[in-house]
N, C-alpha and C. Protein backbone atom coordinates (compact mmCIF):
# COMPACT_ATOMS: atom_id res chain seq x y z
N MET A 1 10.83 -16.89 6.96
CA MET A 1 11.57 -17.69 6.01
C MET A 1 12.72 -16.85 5.45
N THR A 2 13.88 -17.43 5.37
CA THR A 2 15.06 -16.75 4.88
C THR A 2 15.13 -16.81 3.35
N GLU A 3 15.41 -15.65 2.73
CA GLU A 3 15.54 -15.62 1.29
C GLU A 3 16.89 -16.22 0.89
N PRO A 4 16.95 -16.87 -0.27
CA PRO A 4 18.23 -17.44 -0.72
C PRO A 4 19.26 -16.34 -0.96
N LEU A 5 20.51 -16.65 -0.66
CA LEU A 5 21.58 -15.70 -0.88
C LEU A 5 21.98 -15.69 -2.35
N PRO A 6 22.33 -14.52 -2.87
CA PRO A 6 22.81 -14.48 -4.26
C PRO A 6 24.11 -15.26 -4.41
N ARG A 7 24.25 -15.90 -5.57
CA ARG A 7 25.48 -16.61 -5.92
C ARG A 7 26.04 -15.97 -7.18
N ARG A 8 27.28 -16.30 -7.49
CA ARG A 8 27.92 -15.75 -8.68
C ARG A 8 27.82 -16.77 -9.82
N PHE A 9 27.44 -16.27 -10.98
CA PHE A 9 27.30 -17.08 -12.18
C PHE A 9 28.06 -16.43 -13.33
N CYS A 10 28.51 -17.24 -14.24
CA CYS A 10 29.14 -16.79 -15.48
C CYS A 10 28.12 -17.06 -16.59
N VAL A 11 27.79 -16.02 -17.37
CA VAL A 11 26.71 -16.14 -18.36
C VAL A 11 27.20 -15.61 -19.71
N HIS A 12 26.86 -16.35 -20.78
CA HIS A 12 27.11 -15.85 -22.13
C HIS A 12 26.13 -16.49 -23.10
N GLY A 13 25.94 -15.83 -24.23
CA GLY A 13 25.06 -16.35 -25.25
C GLY A 13 25.60 -17.64 -25.83
N VAL A 14 24.71 -18.54 -26.23
CA VAL A 14 25.10 -19.83 -26.79
C VAL A 14 25.94 -19.61 -28.06
N ALA A 15 25.60 -18.62 -28.85
CA ALA A 15 26.31 -18.36 -30.10
C ALA A 15 27.60 -17.56 -29.88
N GLU A 16 27.85 -17.11 -28.66
CA GLU A 16 29.02 -16.31 -28.35
C GLU A 16 30.13 -17.17 -27.77
N MET A 17 31.35 -16.72 -27.91
CA MET A 17 32.48 -17.41 -27.30
C MET A 17 32.44 -17.20 -25.80
N ALA A 18 32.96 -18.16 -25.04
CA ALA A 18 32.97 -18.07 -23.58
C ALA A 18 33.73 -16.84 -23.10
N SER A 19 34.66 -16.34 -23.90
CA SER A 19 35.41 -15.14 -23.51
C SER A 19 34.52 -13.90 -23.46
N ARG A 20 33.32 -13.98 -24.01
CA ARG A 20 32.37 -12.86 -23.99
C ARG A 20 31.45 -12.93 -22.77
N ALA A 21 31.71 -13.87 -21.87
CA ALA A 21 30.85 -14.08 -20.70
C ALA A 21 30.99 -12.94 -19.69
N HIS A 22 29.96 -12.79 -18.89
CA HIS A 22 29.94 -11.81 -17.81
C HIS A 22 29.61 -12.53 -16.51
N VAL A 23 30.17 -12.05 -15.43
CA VAL A 23 29.84 -12.57 -14.10
C VAL A 23 28.68 -11.75 -13.57
N VAL A 24 27.62 -12.45 -13.18
CA VAL A 24 26.44 -11.80 -12.61
C VAL A 24 26.04 -12.53 -11.34
N GLU A 25 25.31 -11.86 -10.49
CA GLU A 25 24.79 -12.49 -9.28
C GLU A 25 23.32 -12.81 -9.46
N GLY A 26 22.89 -13.89 -8.82
CA GLY A 26 21.50 -14.27 -8.86
C GLY A 26 21.23 -15.31 -7.80
N VAL A 27 19.96 -15.53 -7.50
CA VAL A 27 19.59 -16.52 -6.49
C VAL A 27 19.36 -17.89 -7.12
N SER A 28 19.35 -17.93 -8.47
CA SER A 28 19.16 -19.19 -9.19
C SER A 28 19.75 -19.03 -10.59
N PHE A 29 19.84 -20.13 -11.32
CA PHE A 29 20.31 -20.07 -12.69
C PHE A 29 19.43 -19.16 -13.53
N GLU A 30 18.11 -19.32 -13.39
CA GLU A 30 17.17 -18.52 -14.16
C GLU A 30 17.30 -17.04 -13.82
N ASP A 31 17.44 -16.73 -12.54
CA ASP A 31 17.59 -15.35 -12.09
C ASP A 31 18.85 -14.73 -12.70
N ALA A 32 19.94 -15.47 -12.71
CA ALA A 32 21.19 -14.98 -13.29
C ALA A 32 21.02 -14.73 -14.79
N ALA A 33 20.33 -15.63 -15.48
CA ALA A 33 20.10 -15.47 -16.92
C ALA A 33 19.30 -14.20 -17.20
N LEU A 34 18.28 -13.95 -16.40
CA LEU A 34 17.46 -12.75 -16.60
C LEU A 34 18.23 -11.48 -16.26
N HIS A 35 19.07 -11.52 -15.23
CA HIS A 35 19.92 -10.36 -14.91
C HIS A 35 20.87 -10.07 -16.06
N PHE A 36 21.49 -11.11 -16.61
CA PHE A 36 22.39 -10.94 -17.75
C PHE A 36 21.66 -10.31 -18.92
N LEU A 37 20.48 -10.84 -19.23
CA LEU A 37 19.72 -10.35 -20.37
C LEU A 37 19.39 -8.87 -20.19
N GLY A 38 19.01 -8.49 -18.97
CA GLY A 38 18.66 -7.09 -18.71
C GLY A 38 19.84 -6.14 -18.71
N GLU A 39 21.02 -6.62 -18.34
CA GLU A 39 22.17 -5.75 -18.19
C GLU A 39 23.17 -5.80 -19.34
N HIS A 40 23.32 -6.94 -19.99
CA HIS A 40 24.44 -7.11 -20.92
C HIS A 40 24.07 -7.53 -22.33
N HIS A 41 22.85 -7.90 -22.57
CA HIS A 41 22.51 -8.47 -23.87
C HIS A 41 21.52 -7.56 -24.59
N PRO A 42 21.89 -7.04 -25.77
CA PRO A 42 20.93 -6.21 -26.51
C PRO A 42 19.78 -7.07 -27.03
N VAL A 43 18.56 -6.68 -26.73
CA VAL A 43 17.41 -7.47 -27.18
C VAL A 43 16.64 -6.78 -28.29
N ALA A 44 16.97 -5.53 -28.60
CA ALA A 44 16.27 -4.82 -29.67
C ALA A 44 16.45 -5.56 -30.98
N GLY A 45 15.36 -5.79 -31.67
CA GLY A 45 15.42 -6.45 -32.97
C GLY A 45 15.36 -7.96 -32.91
N PHE A 46 15.32 -8.54 -31.72
CA PHE A 46 15.22 -9.99 -31.61
C PHE A 46 13.77 -10.40 -31.77
N GLU A 47 13.53 -11.34 -32.66
CA GLU A 47 12.20 -11.89 -32.82
C GLU A 47 12.09 -13.25 -32.18
N ASP A 48 13.24 -13.91 -32.01
CA ASP A 48 13.28 -15.25 -31.45
C ASP A 48 13.75 -15.22 -30.01
N ASP A 49 13.66 -16.37 -29.36
CA ASP A 49 14.19 -16.51 -28.01
C ASP A 49 15.70 -16.32 -28.02
N VAL A 50 16.24 -15.92 -26.88
CA VAL A 50 17.67 -15.79 -26.69
C VAL A 50 18.12 -17.01 -25.89
N SER A 51 19.20 -17.67 -26.33
CA SER A 51 19.72 -18.85 -25.63
C SER A 51 21.01 -18.48 -24.91
N LEU A 52 21.08 -18.84 -23.62
CA LEU A 52 22.22 -18.49 -22.79
C LEU A 52 22.75 -19.70 -22.03
N TYR A 53 24.08 -19.76 -21.88
CA TYR A 53 24.71 -20.71 -20.97
C TYR A 53 24.92 -19.99 -19.64
N VAL A 54 24.58 -20.66 -18.55
CA VAL A 54 24.74 -20.11 -17.21
C VAL A 54 25.52 -21.13 -16.38
N GLU A 55 26.65 -20.71 -15.82
CA GLU A 55 27.48 -21.61 -15.02
C GLU A 55 27.63 -21.06 -13.61
N ASP A 56 27.34 -21.90 -12.62
CA ASP A 56 27.53 -21.55 -11.21
C ASP A 56 29.03 -21.57 -10.94
N LEU A 57 29.59 -20.43 -10.55
CA LEU A 57 31.03 -20.34 -10.36
C LEU A 57 31.52 -21.10 -9.13
N GLU A 58 30.63 -21.41 -8.21
CA GLU A 58 31.04 -22.17 -7.02
C GLU A 58 31.07 -23.67 -7.29
N THR A 59 30.05 -24.19 -7.97
CA THR A 59 29.93 -25.63 -8.17
C THR A 59 30.39 -26.10 -9.54
N GLY A 60 30.43 -25.19 -10.53
CA GLY A 60 30.78 -25.57 -11.89
C GLY A 60 29.60 -26.12 -12.68
N GLU A 61 28.44 -26.26 -12.04
CA GLU A 61 27.25 -26.74 -12.76
C GLU A 61 26.88 -25.75 -13.85
N ARG A 62 26.51 -26.27 -15.01
CA ARG A 62 26.19 -25.43 -16.16
C ARG A 62 24.82 -25.80 -16.69
N GLN A 63 24.02 -24.78 -16.99
CA GLN A 63 22.70 -25.00 -17.56
C GLN A 63 22.52 -24.07 -18.74
N CYS A 64 21.62 -24.44 -19.63
CA CYS A 64 21.31 -23.64 -20.81
C CYS A 64 19.83 -23.27 -20.76
N PHE A 65 19.54 -21.99 -21.08
CA PHE A 65 18.16 -21.50 -21.05
C PHE A 65 17.83 -20.77 -22.33
N ARG A 66 16.58 -20.92 -22.76
CA ARG A 66 15.99 -20.08 -23.79
C ARG A 66 15.11 -19.07 -23.06
N ILE A 67 15.24 -17.82 -23.44
CA ILE A 67 14.47 -16.76 -22.79
C ILE A 67 13.70 -16.00 -23.85
N ASP A 68 12.41 -15.82 -23.61
CA ASP A 68 11.59 -14.99 -24.48
C ASP A 68 11.83 -13.54 -24.05
N PRO A 69 12.45 -12.71 -24.90
CA PRO A 69 12.78 -11.35 -24.48
C PRO A 69 11.55 -10.48 -24.22
N ASP A 70 10.41 -10.84 -24.80
CA ASP A 70 9.20 -10.05 -24.59
C ASP A 70 8.55 -10.32 -23.24
N THR A 71 8.58 -11.59 -22.79
CA THR A 71 7.88 -11.95 -21.56
C THR A 71 8.80 -12.27 -20.39
N GLY A 72 10.07 -12.58 -20.68
CA GLY A 72 11.00 -13.01 -19.64
C GLY A 72 10.83 -14.46 -19.24
N GLU A 73 9.99 -15.19 -19.95
CA GLU A 73 9.80 -16.61 -19.63
C GLU A 73 11.04 -17.40 -20.02
N THR A 74 11.44 -18.34 -19.14
CA THR A 74 12.61 -19.16 -19.40
C THR A 74 12.20 -20.61 -19.59
N ALA A 75 13.00 -21.31 -20.39
CA ALA A 75 12.80 -22.75 -20.60
C ALA A 75 14.18 -23.35 -20.86
N PRO A 76 14.38 -24.62 -20.50
CA PRO A 76 15.67 -25.26 -20.80
C PRO A 76 15.90 -25.32 -22.31
N CYS A 77 17.16 -25.22 -22.74
CA CYS A 77 17.50 -25.41 -24.15
C CYS A 77 17.17 -26.84 -24.55
N GLU A 78 16.84 -27.01 -25.78
CA GLU A 78 16.51 -28.36 -26.27
C GLU A 78 17.74 -29.03 -26.82
C-alpha cells in the first residue's frame, strides 16, 4: 500500500492574524496542525486546547481544529 504524499498547508492560530501563518507539510489537515504545533507554536503555560486554522494550499479548503497540547488529540472547532 502506498503512503499518502505530503501536501503543503498554511496554518495559524485562530486568535492570530493570517499574516502570522506558516507553511507546513503534512499528509492530512490534522497532520499539518500537529506539525505546526510542534514546530511553531509555544505550548508552555497553555491549560486549554489550542485552536488552529489549516488551509490546503492546493485546493483552498480550510478546516479548524482544537488540539489538546498534552495528548495531541484533535477535534473540529465548534
